[in-house]
Amino acid sequence: MPRHTHKRKASAHSKSKTAKNVRPSGLRTSNPKVGVFLGLFFVALGAYIQVFQSHGNAMSGIAILSIIVGVVTVIIARFSVPRKKTD
């Protein structure tokens, strides 16, 4: 074991803080509430088509796809909503 080993400073390995402060741009991240309302609109549209307008297999399929797209949109938008920090 050598007597004089070279030790690196801890600050040499610290990561840059500028990357943490930059928010990605985009509709989903800038306006997540729009995604929630859009998803709820798709769910309501699918429910309306399923209840009142589904006289054939095609309309039932469109209604179910609309409901699925709406639910997925709401879930993704809910993940994008910033959470309040509780300290």
PDB file of N, CA and C in Angstrom:
ATOM      1  N   MET A   1       0.834  -1.174   0.000  1.00  0.00           N
ATOM      2  CA  MET A   1       0.000   0.000   0.000  1.00  0.00           C
ATOM      3  C   MET A   1       0.889   1.251   0.000  1.00  0.00           C
ATOM      4  N   PRO A   2       0.774   2.099  -0.997  1.00  0.00           N
ATOM      5  CA  PRO A   2       1.602   3.306  -1.014  1.00  0.00           C
ATOM      6  C   PRO A   2       1.204   4.258   0.109  1.00  0.00           C
ATOM      7  N   ARG A   3       2.143   5.036   0.540  1.00  0.00           N
ATOM      8  CA  ARG A   3       1.890   5.943   1.654  1.00  0.00           C
ATOM      9  C   ARG A   3       1.122   7.170   1.213  1.00  0.00           C
ATOM     10  N   HIS A   4       1.402   7.700   0.052  1.00  0.00           N
ATOM     11  CA  HIS A   4       0.762   8.944  -0.411  1.00  0.00           C
ATOM     12  C   HIS A   4      -0.121   8.638  -1.621  1.00  0.00           C
ATOM     13  N   THR A   5      -1.379   8.392  -1.382  1.00  0.00           N
ATOM     14  CA  THR A   5      -2.301   8.132  -2.494  1.00  0.00           C
ATOM     15  C   THR A   5      -3.002   9.422  -2.868  1.00  0.00           C
ATOM     16  N   HIS A   6      -3.274   9.566  -4.141  1.00  0.00           N
ATOM     17  CA  HIS A   6      -3.951  10.758  -4.630  1.00  0.00           C
ATOM     18  C   HIS A   6      -5.456  10.569  -4.482  1.00  0.00           C
ATOM     19  N   LYS A   7      -6.095  11.466  -3.754  1.00  0.00           N
ATOM     20  CA  LYS A   7      -7.534  11.382  -3.560  1.00  0.00           C
ATOM     21  C   LYS A   7      -8.204  12.501  -4.338  1.00  0.00           C
ATOM     22  N   ARG A   8      -9.277  12.144  -5.018  1.00  0.00           N
ATOM     23  CA  ARG A   8     -10.016  13.144  -5.779  1.00  0.00           C
ATOM     24  C   ARG A   8     -10.982  13.885  -4.876  1.00  0.00           C
ATOM     25  N   LYS A   9     -11.245  15.114  -5.245  1.00  0.00           N
ATOM     26  CA  LYS A   9     -12.207  15.901  -4.485  1.00  0.00           C
ATOM     27  C   LYS A   9     -13.624  15.421  -4.796  1.00  0.00           C
ATOM     28  N   ALA A  10     -14.506  15.552  -3.840  1.00  0.00           N
ATOM     29  CA  ALA A  10     -15.891  15.111  -4.027  1.00  0.00           C
ATOM     30  C   ALA A  10     -16.618  15.982  -5.048  1.00  0.00           C
ATOM     31  N   SER A  11     -16.227  17.241  -5.180  1.00  0.00           N
ATOM     32  CA  SER A  11     -16.904  18.133  -6.119  1.00  0.00           C
ATOM     33  C   SER A  11     -16.568  17.807  -7.572  1.00  0.00           C
ATOM     34  N   ALA A  12     -15.534  17.023  -7.796  1.00  0.00           N
ATOM     35  CA  ALA A  12     -15.171  16.679  -9.170  1.00  0.00           C
ATOM     36  C   ALA A  12     -16.189  15.740  -9.794  1.00  0.00           C
ATOM     37  N   HIS A  13     -16.951  15.018  -8.985  1.00  0.00           N
ATOM     38  CA  HIS A  13     -17.912  14.059  -9.505  1.00  0.00           C
ATOM     39  C   HIS A  13     -19.351  14.548  -9.424  1.00  0.00           C
ATOM     40  N   SER A  14     -19.569  15.745  -8.934  1.00  0.00           N
ATOM     41  CA  SER A  14     -20.952  16.217  -8.800  1.00  0.00           C
ATOM     42  C   SER A  14     -21.534  16.516 -10.177  1.00  0.00           C
ATOM     43  N   LYS A  15     -22.821  16.232 -10.308  1.00  0.00           N
ATOM     44  CA  LYS A  15     -23.500  16.436 -11.585  1.00  0.00           C
ATOM     45  C   LYS A  15     -23.958  17.879 -11.706  1.00  0.00           C
ATOM     46  N   SER A  16     -24.122  18.308 -12.923  1.00  0.00           N
ATOM     47  CA  SER A  16     -24.566  19.669 -13.185  1.00  0.00           C
ATOM     48  C   SER A  16     -26.028  19.829 -12.776  1.00  0.00           C
ATOM     49  N   LYS A  17     -26.359  20.946 -12.150  1.00  0.00           N
ATOM     50  CA  LYS A  17     -27.732  21.190 -11.697  1.00  0.00           C
ATOM     51  C   LYS A  17     -28.574  21.876 -12.767  1.00  0.00           C
ATOM     52  N   THR A  18     -27.982  22.263 -13.868  1.00  0.00           N
ATOM     53  CA  THR A  18     -28.750  22.948 -14.903  1.00  0.00           C
ATOM     54  C   THR A  18     -29.699  21.998 -15.607  1.00  0.00           C
ATOM     55  N   ALA A  19     -29.360  20.726 -15.690  1.00  0.00           N
ATOM     56  CA  ALA A  19     -30.227  19.761 -16.367  1.00  0.00           C
ATOM     57  C   ALA A  19     -31.482  19.473 -15.550  1.00  0.00           C
ATOM     58  N   LYS A  20     -31.417  19.614 -14.233  1.00  0.00           N
ATOM     59  CA  LYS A  20     -32.573  19.350 -13.394  1.00  0.00           C
ATOM     60  C   LYS A  20     -33.609  20.465 -13.481  1.00  0.00           C
ATOM     61  N   ASN A  21     -33.183  21.680 -13.727  1.00  0.00           N
ATOM     62  CA  ASN A  21     -34.091  22.829 -13.729  1.00  0.00           C
ATOM     63  C   ASN A  21     -34.813  23.012 -15.052  1.00  0.00           C
ATOM     64  N   VAL A  22     -34.392  22.336 -16.098  1.00  0.00           N
ATOM     65  CA  VAL A  22     -34.989  22.510 -17.418  1.00  0.00           C
ATOM     66  C   VAL A  22     -36.199  21.592 -17.529  1.00  0.00           C
ATOM     67  N   ARG A  23     -37.376  22.186 -17.808  1.00  0.00           N
ATOM     68  CA  ARG A  23     -38.592  21.387 -18.007  1.00  0.00           C
ATOM     69  C   ARG A  23     -38.756  21.095 -19.487  1.00  0.00           C
ATOM     70  N   PRO A  24     -39.114  19.881 -19.831  1.00  0.00           N
ATOM     71  CA  PRO A  24     -39.319  19.570 -21.235  1.00  0.00           C
ATOM     72  C   PRO A  24     -40.547  20.294 -21.769  1.00  0.00           C
ATOM     73  N   SER A  25     -40.456  20.728 -22.994  1.00  0.00           N
ATOM     74  CA  SER A  25     -41.583  21.438 -23.596  1.00  0.00           C
ATOM     75  C   SER A  25     -42.461  20.435 -24.326  1.00  0.00           C
ATOM     76  N   GLY A  26     -43.732  20.736 -24.371  1.00  0.00           N
ATOM     77  CA  GLY A  26     -44.685  19.862 -25.039  1.00  0.00           C
ATOM     78  C   GLY A  26     -46.062  20.095 -24.459  1.00  0.00           C
ATOM     79  N   LEU A  27     -47.072  19.670 -25.189  1.00  0.00           N
ATOM     80  CA  LEU A  27     -48.444  19.888 -24.745  1.00  0.00           C
ATOM     81  C   LEU A  27     -48.759  19.110 -23.479  1.00  0.00           C
ATOM     82  N   ARG A  28     -48.254  17.896 -23.397  1.00  0.00           N
ATOM     83  CA  ARG A  28     -48.568  17.059 -22.240  1.00  0.00           C
ATOM     84  C   ARG A  28     -47.938  17.608 -20.967  1.00  0.00           C
ATOM     85  N   THR A  29     -46.725  18.121 -21.030  1.00  0.00           N
ATOM     86  CA  THR A  29     -46.058  18.620 -19.842  1.00  0.00           C
ATOM     87  C   THR A  29     -46.398  20.059 -19.537  1.00  0.00           C
ATOM     88  N   SER A  30     -46.709  20.868 -20.550  1.00  0.00           N
ATOM     89  CA  SER A  30     -47.023  22.268 -20.282  1.00  0.00           C
ATOM     90  C   SER A  30     -48.459  22.452 -19.831  1.00  0.00           C
ATOM     91  N   ASN A  31     -49.400  21.664 -20.343  1.00  0.00           N
ATOM     92  CA  ASN A  31     -50.808  21.764 -19.961  1.00  0.00           C
ATOM     93  C   ASN A  31     -51.374  20.377 -19.674  1.00  0.00           C
ATOM     94  N   PRO A  32     -51.046  19.800 -18.525  1.00  0.00           N
ATOM     95  CA  PRO A  32     -51.530  18.441 -18.260  1.00  0.00           C
ATOM     96  C   PRO A  32     -53.034  18.386 -17.992  1.00  0.00           C
ATOM     97  N   LYS A  33     -53.630  19.492 -17.545  1.00  0.00           N
ATOM     98  CA  LYS A  33     -55.069  19.478 -17.279  1.00  0.00           C
ATOM     99  C   LYS A  33     -55.870  19.373 -18.573  1.00  0.00           C
ATOM    100  N   VAL A  34     -55.318  19.867 -19.670  1.00  0.00           N
ATOM    101  CA  VAL A  34     -55.982  19.719 -20.966  1.00  0.00           C
ATOM    102  C   VAL A  34     -56.064  18.239 -21.331  1.00  0.00           C
ATOM    103  N   GLY A  35     -55.032  17.486 -21.039  1.00  0.00           N
ATOM    104  CA  GLY A  35     -55.048  16.055 -21.299  1.00  0.00           C
ATOM    105  C   GLY A  35     -56.090  15.329 -20.469  1.00  0.00           C
ATOM    106  N   VAL A  36     -56.269  15.763 -19.221  1.00  0.00           N
ATOM    107  CA  VAL A  36     -57.291  15.145 -18.371  1.00  0.00           C
ATOM    108  C   VAL A  36     -58.673  15.414 -18.945  1.00  0.00           C
ATOM    109  N   PHE A  37     -58.944  16.655 -19.318  1.00  0.00           N
ATOM    110  CA  PHE A  37     -60.252  16.988 -19.873  1.00  0.00           C
ATOM    111  C   PHE A  37     -60.483  16.302 -21.221  1.00  0.00           C
ATOM    112  N   LEU A  38     -59.446  16.205 -22.029  1.00  0.00           N
ATOM    113  CA  LEU A  38     -59.572  15.522 -23.315  1.00  0.00           C
ATOM    114  C   LEU A  38     -59.863  14.030 -23.112  1.00  0.00           C
ATOM    115  N   GLY A  39     -59.189  13.415 -22.156  1.00  0.00           N
ATOM    116  CA  GLY A  39     -59.450  12.013 -21.860  1.00  0.00           C
ATOM    117  C   GLY A  39     -60.858  11.786 -21.336  1.00  0.00           C
ATOM    118  N   LEU A  40     -61.335  12.677 -20.475  1.00  0.00           N
ATOM    119  CA  LEU A  40     -62.708  12.559 -19.972  1.00  0.00           C
ATOM    120  C   LEU A  40     -63.721  12.767 -21.089  1.00  0.00           C
ATOM    121  N   PHE A  41     -63.375  13.636 -22.048  1.00  0.00           N
ATOM    122  CA  PHE A  41     -64.251  13.831 -23.201  1.00  0.00           C
ATOM    123  C   PHE A  41     -64.367  12.546 -24.019  1.00  0.00           C
ATOM    124  N   PHE A  42     -63.233  11.878 -24.239  1.00  0.00           N
ATOM    125  CA  PHE A  42     -63.258  10.619 -24.984  1.00  0.00           C
ATOM    126  C   PHE A  42     -64.067   9.544 -24.260  1.00  0.00           C
ATOM    127  N   VAL A  43     -63.936   9.496 -22.935  1.00  0.00           N
ATOM    128  CA  VAL A  43     -64.700   8.522 -22.158  1.00  0.00           C
ATOM    129  C   VAL A  43     -66.193   8.821 -22.269  1.00  0.00           C
ATOM    130  N   ALA A  44     -66.568  10.096 -22.130  1.00  0.00           N
ATOM    131  CA  ALA A  44     -67.984  10.469 -22.226  1.00  0.00           C
ATOM    132  C   ALA A  44     -68.527  10.220 -23.631  1.00  0.00           C
ATOM    133  N   LEU A  45     -67.728  10.511 -24.655  1.00  0.00           N
ATOM    134  CA  LEU A  45     -68.144  10.265 -26.032  1.00  0.00           C
ATOM    135  C   LEU A  45     -68.344   8.768 -26.274  1.00  0.00           C
ATOM    136  N   GLY A  46     -67.426   7.960 -25.784  1.00  0.00           N
ATOM    137  CA  GLY A  46     -67.561   6.521 -25.937  1.00  0.00           C
ATOM    138  C   GLY A  46     -68.778   5.972 -25.213  1.00  0.00           C
ATOM    139  N   ALA A  47     -69.050   6.490 -24.021  1.00  0.00           N
ATOM    140  CA  ALA A  47     -70.233   6.047 -23.280  1.00  0.00           C
ATOM    141  C   ALA A  47     -71.511   6.457 -24.007  1.00  0.00           C
ATOM    142  N   TYR A  48     -71.530   7.667 -24.552  1.00  0.00           N
ATOM    143  CA  TYR A  48     -72.705   8.131 -25.302  1.00  0.00           C
ATOM    144  C   TYR A  48     -72.949   7.265 -26.540  1.00  0.00           C
ATOM    145  N   ILE A  49     -71.891   6.993 -27.286  1.00  0.00           N
ATOM    146  CA  ILE A  49     -72.036   6.159 -28.483  1.00  0.00           C
ATOM    147  C   ILE A  49     -72.491   4.756 -28.102  1.00  0.00           C
ATOM    148  N   GLN A  50     -71.928   4.217 -27.021  1.00  0.00           N
ATOM    149  CA  GLN A  50     -72.289   2.870 -26.606  1.00  0.00           C
ATOM    150  C   GLN A  50     -73.752   2.777 -26.172  1.00  0.00           C
ATOM    151  N   VAL A  51     -74.245   3.798 -25.487  1.00  0.00           N
ATOM    152  CA  VAL A  51     -75.608   3.738 -24.958  1.00  0.00           C
ATOM    153  C   VAL A  51     -76.640   4.092 -26.020  1.00  0.00           C
ATOM    154  N   PHE A  52     -76.403   5.165 -26.777  1.00  0.00           N
ATOM    155  CA  PHE A  52     -77.452   5.693 -27.648  1.00  0.00           C
ATOM    156  C   PHE A  52     -77.272   5.393 -29.135  1.00  0.00           C
ATOM    157  N   GLN A  53     -76.046   5.223 -29.616  1.00  0.00           N
ATOM    158  CA  GLN A  53     -75.818   5.146 -31.055  1.00  0.00           C
ATOM    159  C   GLN A  53     -75.308   3.799 -31.555  1.00  0.00           C
ATOM    160  N   SER A  54     -75.106   2.837 -30.694  1.00  0.00           N
ATOM    161  CA  SER A  54     -74.486   1.591 -31.153  1.00  0.00           C
ATOM    162  C   SER A  54     -75.542   0.625 -31.680  1.00  0.00           C
ATOM    163  N   HIS A  55     -75.827   0.733 -32.962  1.00  0.00           N
ATOM    164  CA  HIS A  55     -76.779  -0.173 -33.608  1.00  0.00           C
ATOM    165  C   HIS A  55     -76.068  -1.264 -34.382  1.00  0.00           C
ATOM    166  N   GLY A  56     -74.767  -1.200 -34.436  1.00  0.00           N
ATOM    167  CA  GLY A  56     -74.010  -2.207 -35.170  1.00  0.00           C
ATOM    168  C   GLY A  56     -72.694  -2.489 -34.479  1.00  0.00           C
ATOM    169  N   ASN A  57     -71.989  -3.458 -35.014  1.00  0.00           N
ATOM    170  CA  ASN A  57     -70.714  -3.844 -34.427  1.00  0.00           C
ATOM    171  C   ASN A  57     -69.657  -2.761 -34.574  1.00  0.00           C
ATOM    172  N   ALA A  58     -69.703  -2.023 -35.671  1.00  0.00           N
ATOM    173  CA  ALA A  58     -68.699  -0.987 -35.912  1.00  0.00           C
ATOM    174  C   ALA A  58     -68.812   0.140 -34.894  1.00  0.00           C
ATOM    175  N   MET A  59     -70.040   0.564 -34.604  1.00  0.00           N
ATOM    176  CA  MET A  59     -70.221   1.641 -33.635  1.00  0.00           C
ATOM    177  C   MET A  59     -69.852   1.187 -32.225  1.00  0.00           C
ATOM    178  N   SER A  60     -70.102  -0.071 -31.905  1.00  0.00           N
ATOM    179  CA  SER A  60     -69.690  -0.592 -30.594  1.00  0.00           C
ATOM    180  C   SER A  60     -68.177  -0.612 -30.478  1.00  0.00           C
ATOM    181  N   GLY A  61     -67.508  -0.990 -31.549  1.00  0.00           N
ATOM    182  CA  GLY A  61     -66.046  -0.991 -31.547  1.00  0.00           C
ATOM    183  C   GLY A  61     -65.463   0.393 -31.405  1.00  0.00           C
ATOM    184  N   ILE A  62     -66.054   1.353 -32.106  1.00  0.00           N
ATOM    185  CA  ILE A  62     -65.592   2.741 -32.000  1.00  0.00           C
ATOM    186  C   ILE A  62     -65.808   3.259 -30.589  1.00  0.00           C
ATOM    187  N   ALA A  63     -66.936   2.910 -29.980  1.00  0.00           N
ATOM    188  CA  ALA A  63     -67.217   3.351 -28.618  1.00  0.00           C
ATOM    189  C   ALA A  63     -66.217   2.773 -27.626  1.00  0.00           C
ATOM    190  N   ILE A  64     -65.915   1.502 -27.761  1.00  0.00           N
ATOM    191  CA  ILE A  64     -64.965   0.871 -26.844  1.00  0.00           C
ATOM    192  C   ILE A  64     -63.562   1.433 -27.046  1.00  0.00           C
ATOM    193  N   LEU A  65     -63.159   1.651 -28.289  1.00  0.00           N
ATOM    194  CA  LEU A  65     -61.852   2.260 -28.546  1.00  0.00           C
ATOM    195  C   LEU A  65     -61.773   3.675 -27.986  1.00  0.00           C
ATOM    196  N   SER A  66     -62.860   4.418 -28.107  1.00  0.00           N
ATOM    197  CA  SER A  66     -62.891   5.772 -27.558  1.00  0.00           C
ATOM    198  C   SER A  66     -62.741   5.757 -26.044  1.00  0.00           C
ATOM    199  N   ILE A  67     -63.396   4.820 -25.389  1.00  0.00           N
ATOM    200  CA  ILE A  67     -63.274   4.716 -23.934  1.00  0.00           C
ATOM    201  C   ILE A  67     -61.854   4.328 -23.534  1.00  0.00           C
ATOM    202  N   ILE A  68     -61.256   3.394 -24.254  1.00  0.00           N
ATOM    203  CA  ILE A  68     -59.884   2.971 -23.938  1.00  0.00           C
ATOM    204  C   ILE A  68     -58.903   4.119 -24.145  1.00  0.00           C
ATOM    205  N   VAL A  69     -59.026   4.830 -25.252  1.00  0.00           N
ATOM    206  CA  VAL A  69     -58.135   5.973 -25.520  1.00  0.00           C
ATOM    207  C   VAL A  69     -58.321   7.044 -24.444  1.00  0.00           C
ATOM    208  N   GLY A  70     -59.552   7.287 -24.032  1.00  0.00           N
ATOM    209  CA  GLY A  70     -59.813   8.276 -22.996  1.00  0.00           C
ATOM    210  C   GLY A  70     -59.188   7.901 -21.670  1.00  0.00           C
ATOM    211  N   VAL A  71     -59.310   6.638 -21.280  1.00  0.00           N
ATOM    212  CA  VAL A  71     -58.741   6.195 -20.006  1.00  0.00           C
ATOM    213  C   VAL A  71     -57.222   6.282 -20.035  1.00  0.00           C
ATOM    214  N   VAL A  72     -56.611   5.869 -21.130  1.00  0.00           N
ATOM    215  CA  VAL A  72     -55.147   5.943 -21.242  1.00  0.00           C
ATOM    216  C   VAL A  72     -54.678   7.398 -21.228  1.00  0.00           C
ATOM    217  N   THR A  73     -55.409   8.279 -21.898  1.00  0.00           N
ATOM    218  CA  THR A  73     -55.051   9.697 -21.911  1.00  0.00           C
ATOM    219  C   THR A  73     -55.135  10.299 -20.520  1.00  0.00           C
ATOM    220  N   VAL A  74     -56.168   9.952 -19.768  1.00  0.00           N
ATOM    221  CA  VAL A  74     -56.299  10.467 -18.402  1.00  0.00           C
ATOM    222  C   VAL A  74     -55.167   9.950 -17.520  1.00  0.00           C
ATOM    223  N   ILE A  75     -54.811   8.692 -17.649  1.00  0.00           N
ATOM    224  CA  ILE A  75     -53.731   8.135 -16.829  1.00  0.00           C
ATOM    225  C   ILE A  75     -52.404   8.813 -17.136  1.00  0.00           C
ATOM    226  N   ILE A  76     -52.098   9.007 -18.406  1.00  0.00           N
ATOM    227  CA  ILE A  76     -50.847   9.662 -18.783  1.00  0.00           C
ATOM    228  C   ILE A  76     -50.838  11.116 -18.324  1.00  0.00           C
ATOM    229  N   ALA A  77     -51.973  11.798 -18.455  1.00  0.00           N
ATOM    230  CA  ALA A  77     -52.036  13.194 -18.015  1.00  0.00           C
ATOM    231  C   ALA A  77     -51.918  13.304 -16.504  1.00  0.00           C
ATOM    232  N   ARG A  78     -52.448  12.341 -15.777  1.00  0.00           N
ATOM    233  CA  ARG A  78     -52.347  12.383 -14.314  1.00  0.00           C
ATOM    234  C   ARG A  78     -50.902  12.219 -13.859  1.00  0.00           C
ATOM    235  N   PHE A  79     -50.110  11.433 -14.588  1.00  0.00           N
ATOM    236  CA  PHE A  79     -48.700  11.308 -14.248  1.00  0.00           C
ATOM    237  C   PHE A  79     -47.931  12.599 -14.538  1.00  0.00           C
ATOM    238  N   SER A  80     -48.427  13.416 -15.452  1.00  0.00           N
ATOM    239  CA  SER A  80     -47.734  14.641 -15.834  1.00  0.00           C
ATOM    240  C   SER A  80     -48.058  15.815 -14.930  1.00  0.00           C
ATOM    241  N   VAL A  81     -49.117  15.724 -14.138  1.00  0.00           N
ATOM    242  CA  VAL A  81     -49.496  16.827 -13.258  1.00  0.00           C
ATOM    243  C   VAL A  81     -48.439  16.951 -12.166  1.00  0.00           C
ATOM    244  N   PRO A  82     -47.887  18.157 -11.965  1.00  0.00           N
ATOM    245  CA  PRO A  82     -46.881  18.307 -10.925  1.00  0.00           C
ATOM    246  C   PRO A  82     -47.503  18.146  -9.540  1.00  0.00           C
ATOM    247  N   ARG A  83     -46.787  17.438  -8.676  1.00  0.00           N
ATOM    248  CA  ARG A  83     -47.269  17.214  -7.324  1.00  0.00           C
ATOM    249  C   ARG A  83     -46.758  18.307  -6.405  1.00  0.00           C
ATOM    250  N   LYS A  84     -47.570  18.698  -5.435  1.00  0.00           N
ATOM    251  CA  LYS A  84     -47.151  19.700  -4.461  1.00  0.00           C
ATOM    252  C   LYS A  84     -46.247  19.034  -3.437  1.00  0.00           C
ATOM    253  N   LYS A  85     -45.161  19.709  -3.120  1.00  0.00           N
ATOM    254  CA  LYS A  85     -44.214  19.166  -2.143  1.00  0.00           C
ATOM    255  C   LYS A  85     -44.725  19.457  -0.742  1.00  0.00           C
ATOM    256  N   THR A  86     -44.700  18.447   0.095  1.00  0.00           N
ATOM    257  CA  THR A  86     -45.085  18.616   1.494  1.00  0.00           C
ATOM    258  C   THR A  86     -43.844  18.401   2.350  1.00  0.00           C
ATOM    259  N   ASP A  87     -43.303  19.494   2.864  1.00  0.00           N
ATOM    260  CA  ASP A  87     -42.081  19.409   3.695  1.00  0.00           C
ATOM    261  C   ASP A  87     -42.446  19.567   5.148  1.00  0.00           C
TER     262      ASP A  87
END
